[in-house]
Amino acid sequence: MKKRATLLLALAMLATTVLAGCGSKEDKSADNKKEDKKEAKVENDDETLIVGFDASFPPYGYKDDDGEYVGFDLELAQEVCDRNDWKLVKQPIDWDAKDMEIDSGTIDCIWNGFTMNGREDEYTWSDPYIDNKQVIVVATDSGINSFDDLSGKLVETQADSSALAALQGDQKELAGTFGSLTEIAEYNTAFMDLESGACDAIAMDIGVAYYQINSRKNPDDYKVLDEEISSEQYAVGFKLGNEELRDKVQATLDEMAEDGTVAKIAEKYEDFGVPGSLCIGKK
């Protein structure tokens, strides 16, 4: 019995050794596959452009009724990628977290109605391609016809937006006349508040304003005041120091402006004033 038990124990140990050897080989194979995937991703990085954008900032970047990410800036980015044989990755981001996204390398650039004024030393920029301005939107029957009429009114604007920066900066005196200035996450919420009477006015980019107004059931219920809060320029922002990628994108944009492609894409967004706002190729 003792000899038999010893024999059985030896056989069991041999089987364990064989199984362990097989397991080790599989693990190494799996590791090799992981390394292959990792190396493939690194090799593919030079062929991929990851564009960070606010998915609720029409007409520059937004989600359409079919759930697709579309917009003027995203169309420009797609054309740039097509001409460089790159794959475009449209990466929606929390606008408040854009600096973290680009610093960590999660995205390659910020391309979404991104204001360069006041941020010149924070990013490596393309040349500006849009001359933009900040305006006030109110209900047509509100009785608000000028900035003077905003005294005591409830005004909303997007957090970390150019309109907010202007109202906290050069237009601080104007903002001081408001009953309140409230920061909201995105402009769909602001328009719902305007419709319900929860706010009296919205400070925002003119292109986004026209998009929001024209997409309403009754666009005539809203109007843009003639006075401007501020003006600015849009450009593509890259991580500070990433001049190599910036130069490649800029060269392609210049080519697109020269052959009329930028203007042709802009025509699709004529209702939002994009063609008249173009400044690329007008040096």
Protein backbone atom coordinates (compact mmCIF):
# COMPACT_ATOMS: atom_id res chain seq x y z
CA MET A 1 0.00 0.00 0.00
CA LYS A 2 2.78 2.39 0.93
CA LYS A 3 4.64 1.73 -2.34
CA ARG A 4 1.41 2.16 -4.30
CA ALA A 5 0.69 5.47 -2.55
CA THR A 6 4.20 6.63 -3.32
CA LEU A 7 3.73 5.73 -6.98
CA LEU A 8 0.41 7.57 -7.18
CA LEU A 9 1.95 10.64 -5.55
CA ALA A 10 4.79 10.63 -8.09
CA LEU A 11 2.34 10.36 -11.00
CA ALA A 12 0.30 13.25 -9.60
CA MET A 13 3.41 15.43 -9.28
CA LEU A 14 4.41 14.59 -12.88
CA ALA A 15 0.93 15.56 -14.16
CA THR A 16 1.10 18.85 -12.25
CA THR A 17 4.48 19.62 -13.79
CA VAL A 18 3.17 18.93 -17.30
CA LEU A 19 0.10 21.10 -16.73
CA ALA A 20 2.20 23.88 -15.26
CA GLY A 21 4.43 23.79 -18.30
CA CYS A 22 1.42 24.07 -20.61
CA GLY A 23 0.02 26.95 -18.56
CA SER A 24 3.33 28.78 -18.74
CA LYS A 25 3.42 28.50 -22.50
CA GLU A 26 -0.13 29.87 -22.84
CA ASP A 27 0.65 32.76 -20.52
CA LYS A 28 3.70 33.69 -22.56
CA SER A 29 1.63 33.51 -25.75
CA ALA A 30 -0.98 35.80 -24.22
CA ASP A 31 1.74 38.19 -23.09
CA ASN A 32 3.19 38.19 -26.58
CA LYS A 33 -0.23 39.01 -28.03
CA LYS A 34 -0.59 41.90 -25.58
CA GLU A 35 2.83 43.21 -26.54
CA ASP A 36 1.94 42.89 -30.23
CA LYS A 37 -1.23 44.92 -29.67
CA LYS A 38 0.70 47.50 -27.69
CA GLU A 39 3.35 47.81 -30.40
CA ALA A 40 0.67 48.03 -33.09
CA LYS A 41 -1.02 50.87 -31.21
CA VAL A 42 2.26 52.76 -30.92
CA GLU A 43 2.90 52.30 -34.63
CA ASN A 44 -0.65 53.48 -35.41
CA ASP A 45 -0.36 56.65 -33.27
CA ASP A 46 1.36 58.50 -36.13
CA GLU A 47 -1.58 57.63 -38.37
CA THR A 48 -4.34 58.72 -35.97
CA LEU A 49 -5.54 62.20 -35.05
CA ILE A 50 -7.58 62.27 -31.84
CA VAL A 51 -9.63 65.46 -31.80
CA GLY A 52 -11.11 66.59 -28.49
CA PHE A 53 -14.38 68.51 -28.77
CA ASP A 54 -17.49 69.59 -26.86
CA ALA A 55 -20.30 67.46 -28.29
CA SER A 56 -22.88 70.15 -27.51
CA PHE A 57 -21.29 73.07 -29.36
CA PRO A 58 -23.04 73.36 -32.73
CA PRO A 59 -22.39 74.14 -35.51
CA TYR A 60 -18.73 73.31 -34.79
CA GLY A 61 -19.15 69.94 -33.06
CA TYR A 62 -22.31 68.18 -31.92
CA LYS A 63 -24.36 64.98 -32.11
CA ASP A 64 -27.02 64.90 -34.84
CA ASP A 65 -30.41 63.17 -34.77
CA ASP A 66 -28.81 59.92 -35.92
CA GLY A 67 -26.39 59.95 -33.01
CA GLU A 68 -23.40 60.84 -35.20
CA TYR A 69 -20.79 63.45 -34.24
CA VAL A 70 -20.86 66.15 -36.88
CA GLY A 71 -20.08 69.85 -37.35
CA PHE A 72 -17.97 72.34 -39.27
CA ASP A 73 -14.79 71.76 -37.27
CA LEU A 74 -15.15 67.99 -37.42
CA GLU A 75 -15.57 68.16 -41.20
CA LEU A 76 -12.40 70.22 -41.47
CA ALA A 77 -10.60 67.69 -39.28
CA GLN A 78 -11.85 64.79 -41.40
CA GLU A 79 -10.58 66.43 -44.59
CA VAL A 80 -7.18 67.08 -42.97
CA CYS A 81 -6.99 63.41 -41.98
CA ASP A 82 -8.06 62.19 -45.41
CA ARG A 83 -5.31 64.21 -47.08
CA ASN A 84 -2.67 62.87 -44.68
CA ASP A 85 -3.89 59.25 -44.67
CA TRP A 86 -4.72 59.55 -40.98
CA LYS A 87 -7.63 58.03 -39.11
CA LEU A 88 -9.80 60.64 -37.36
CA VAL A 89 -10.94 59.81 -33.83
CA LYS A 90 -13.69 62.15 -32.63
CA GLN A 91 -13.31 62.29 -28.86
CA PRO A 92 -16.06 64.16 -26.97
CA ILE A 93 -14.68 65.70 -23.78
CA ASP A 94 -15.85 67.55 -20.71
CA TRP A 95 -14.91 71.12 -21.65
CA ASP A 96 -13.78 71.86 -18.10
CA ALA A 97 -11.29 68.96 -18.37
CA LYS A 98 -9.79 69.88 -21.75
CA ASP A 99 -6.39 70.87 -20.29
CA MET A 100 -6.06 67.56 -18.46
CA GLU A 101 -7.05 65.67 -21.63
CA ILE A 102 -4.44 67.32 -23.82
CA ASP A 103 -1.68 67.31 -21.18
CA SER A 104 -2.15 63.58 -20.56
CA GLY A 105 -2.06 62.79 -24.27
CA THR A 106 -5.60 61.41 -24.32
CA ILE A 107 -6.28 63.77 -27.23
CA ASP A 108 -3.95 65.28 -29.84
CA CYS A 109 -5.67 68.63 -30.17
CA ILE A 110 -8.69 70.69 -29.18
CA TRP A 111 -10.67 71.56 -32.29
CA ASN A 112 -14.12 72.89 -31.47
CA GLY A 113 -14.70 76.62 -31.70
CA PHE A 114 -11.69 77.02 -29.42
CA THR A 115 -10.84 80.64 -28.63
CA MET A 116 -7.14 81.43 -28.78
CA ASN A 117 -7.37 85.01 -27.45
CA GLY A 118 -6.05 85.20 -23.90
CA ARG A 119 -4.66 81.67 -24.17
CA GLU A 120 -1.83 82.37 -26.60
CA ASP A 121 0.88 81.08 -24.22
CA GLU A 122 -1.04 78.04 -22.97
CA TYR A 123 -1.12 75.99 -26.18
CA THR A 124 0.65 75.66 -29.50
CA TRP A 125 -1.86 77.14 -31.93
CA SER A 126 -2.73 76.86 -35.58
CA ASP A 127 -3.44 80.09 -37.41
CA PRO A 128 -6.95 81.39 -36.68
CA TYR A 129 -9.63 80.26 -39.13
CA ILE A 130 -12.81 81.89 -37.72
CA ASP A 131 -13.54 85.43 -36.54
CA ASN A 132 -16.19 84.96 -33.87
CA LYS A 133 -18.14 87.18 -31.50
CA GLN A 134 -20.11 86.84 -28.28
CA VAL A 135 -23.72 88.00 -28.20
CA ILE A 136 -26.86 88.05 -26.07
CA VAL A 137 -29.96 86.00 -26.98
CA VAL A 138 -33.36 86.89 -25.55
CA ALA A 139 -37.02 86.10 -26.19
CA THR A 140 -38.41 88.34 -28.93
CA ASP A 141 -41.28 89.52 -26.72
CA SER A 142 -39.08 90.05 -23.65
CA GLY A 143 -38.84 93.81 -24.05
CA ILE A 144 -35.04 93.50 -23.94
CA ASN A 145 -33.60 95.39 -26.89
CA SER A 146 -30.18 96.54 -25.66
CA PHE A 147 -27.58 95.94 -22.99
CA ASP A 148 -29.21 98.65 -20.86
CA ASP A 149 -32.37 96.51 -20.69
CA LEU A 150 -30.40 93.67 -19.08
CA SER A 151 -30.24 95.50 -15.76
CA GLY A 152 -31.59 93.23 -13.02
CA LYS A 153 -32.12 90.33 -15.45
CA LEU A 154 -31.15 86.69 -14.98
CA VAL A 155 -28.43 85.78 -17.49
CA GLU A 156 -26.93 82.36 -18.19
CA THR A 157 -23.76 81.29 -20.02
CA GLN A 158 -21.67 78.15 -20.40
CA ALA A 159 -18.99 77.38 -17.83
CA ASP A 160 -15.46 78.17 -19.03
CA SER A 161 -16.83 79.85 -22.17
CA SER A 162 -15.53 82.92 -23.97
CA ALA A 163 -18.73 84.77 -23.09
CA LEU A 164 -18.12 84.08 -19.41
CA ALA A 165 -14.49 85.21 -19.70
CA ALA A 166 -15.60 88.47 -21.32
CA LEU A 167 -18.25 89.11 -18.68
CA GLN A 168 -15.70 88.49 -15.95
CA GLY A 169 -13.11 90.62 -17.75
CA ASP A 170 -13.61 93.53 -20.12
CA GLN A 171 -17.39 93.43 -19.70
CA LYS A 172 -17.36 93.05 -15.93
CA GLU A 173 -19.19 96.36 -15.56
CA LEU A 174 -22.02 95.10 -17.79
CA ALA A 175 -22.24 91.85 -15.83
CA GLY A 176 -22.48 93.89 -12.66
CA THR A 177 -25.84 95.24 -13.81
CA PHE A 178 -27.34 91.74 -14.15
CA GLY A 179 -29.59 90.36 -11.46
CA SER A 180 -27.43 87.22 -11.69
CA LEU A 181 -24.96 85.51 -14.00
CA THR A 182 -25.30 81.73 -13.82
CA GLU A 183 -22.92 79.16 -15.33
CA ILE A 184 -24.55 76.13 -16.98
CA ALA A 185 -23.03 72.98 -18.46
CA GLU A 186 -24.30 73.43 -22.03
CA TYR A 187 -26.54 75.71 -24.08
CA ASN A 188 -29.42 73.27 -24.57
CA THR A 189 -30.10 73.73 -20.87
CA ALA A 190 -29.87 77.51 -21.20
CA PHE A 191 -32.46 77.59 -23.98
CA MET A 192 -34.82 75.39 -21.98
CA ASP A 193 -34.43 77.86 -19.12
CA LEU A 194 -35.11 80.77 -21.50
CA GLU A 195 -38.24 79.03 -22.80
CA SER A 196 -39.54 78.34 -19.30
CA GLY A 197 -38.70 81.81 -17.97
CA ALA A 198 -36.04 80.50 -15.58
CA CYS A 199 -33.63 82.99 -17.17
CA ASP A 200 -34.05 86.19 -19.20
CA ALA A 201 -31.03 86.08 -21.50
CA ILE A 202 -28.15 83.90 -22.69
CA ALA A 203 -24.59 85.07 -23.39
CA MET A 204 -23.00 82.90 -26.08
CA ASP A 205 -21.10 82.51 -29.38
CA ILE A 206 -23.05 83.89 -32.32
CA GLY A 207 -22.72 80.72 -34.43
CA VAL A 208 -24.06 78.56 -31.61
CA ALA A 209 -26.81 81.13 -31.02
CA TYR A 210 -28.06 80.92 -34.61
CA TYR A 211 -27.88 77.14 -34.55
CA GLN A 212 -29.94 76.95 -31.37
CA ILE A 213 -32.48 79.50 -32.60
CA ASN A 214 -32.91 77.88 -36.03
CA SER A 215 -33.34 74.44 -34.49
CA ARG A 216 -36.24 75.60 -32.27
CA LYS A 217 -39.84 74.86 -33.23
CA ASN A 218 -40.56 78.62 -33.39
CA PRO A 219 -37.28 80.39 -34.22
CA ASP A 220 -39.01 83.77 -34.45
CA ASP A 221 -39.56 83.60 -30.70
CA TYR A 222 -35.88 84.49 -30.17
CA LYS A 223 -33.55 87.28 -31.24
CA VAL A 224 -29.89 88.27 -31.01
CA LEU A 225 -29.17 91.73 -29.66
CA ASP A 226 -27.25 94.02 -32.03
CA GLU A 227 -24.56 94.87 -29.47
CA GLU A 228 -21.59 92.52 -29.10
CA ILE A 229 -20.08 91.41 -25.79
CA SER A 230 -16.69 90.72 -27.39
CA SER A 231 -14.96 89.38 -30.49
CA GLU A 232 -12.39 86.62 -30.77
CA GLN A 233 -10.74 84.13 -33.08
CA TYR A 234 -10.98 80.35 -33.24
CA ALA A 235 -7.92 78.17 -33.83
CA VAL A 236 -6.82 74.57 -33.29
CA GLY A 237 -5.03 74.12 -29.97
CA PHE A 238 -2.23 71.57 -29.56
CA LYS A 239 -0.20 70.66 -26.48
CA LEU A 240 2.35 73.38 -25.82
CA GLY A 241 5.49 72.53 -27.78
CA ASN A 242 3.87 70.12 -30.24
CA GLU A 243 4.87 72.18 -33.25
CA GLU A 244 5.47 69.18 -35.49
CA LEU A 245 1.82 68.10 -35.49
CA ARG A 246 0.63 71.71 -35.63
CA ASP A 247 2.74 72.36 -38.73
CA LYS A 248 1.36 69.29 -40.52
CA VAL A 249 -2.24 70.27 -39.78
CA GLN A 250 -1.62 73.92 -40.66
CA ALA A 251 -0.02 73.07 -44.00
CA THR A 252 -3.06 70.97 -44.90
CA LEU A 253 -5.52 73.65 -43.80
CA ASP A 254 -3.68 76.21 -45.93
CA GLU A 255 -3.91 73.86 -48.89
CA MET A 256 -7.65 73.40 -48.25
CA ALA A 257 -8.19 77.16 -48.06
CA GLU A 258 -6.24 77.69 -51.28
CA ASP A 259 -8.23 75.13 -53.29
CA GLY A 260 -11.60 76.29 -51.93
CA THR A 261 -12.39 73.25 -49.79
CA VAL A 262 -12.72 75.21 -46.54
CA ALA A 263 -15.20 77.63 -48.14
CA LYS A 264 -17.15 74.73 -49.64
CA ILE A 265 -17.51 73.04 -46.24
CA ALA A 266 -18.47 76.37 -44.65
CA GLU A 267 -21.35 76.79 -47.14
CA LYS A 268 -23.13 73.88 -45.44
CA TYR A 269 -23.35 76.05 -42.32
CA GLU A 270 -24.46 79.27 -43.99
CA ASP A 271 -27.52 79.55 -41.70
CA PHE A 272 -25.13 79.93 -38.77
CA GLY A 273 -22.95 82.63 -40.29
CA VAL A 274 -19.90 80.41 -40.77
CA PRO A 275 -18.96 81.48 -44.34
CA GLY A 276 -18.93 85.16 -43.39
CA SER A 277 -16.82 84.44 -40.31
CA LEU A 278 -13.97 82.67 -42.15
CA CYS A 279 -10.61 84.38 -41.81
CA ILE A 280 -8.29 81.60 -42.99
CA GLY A 281 -6.50 82.44 -46.21
CA LYS A 282 -7.32 86.15 -45.87
CA LYS A 283 -3.93 87.40 -44.65
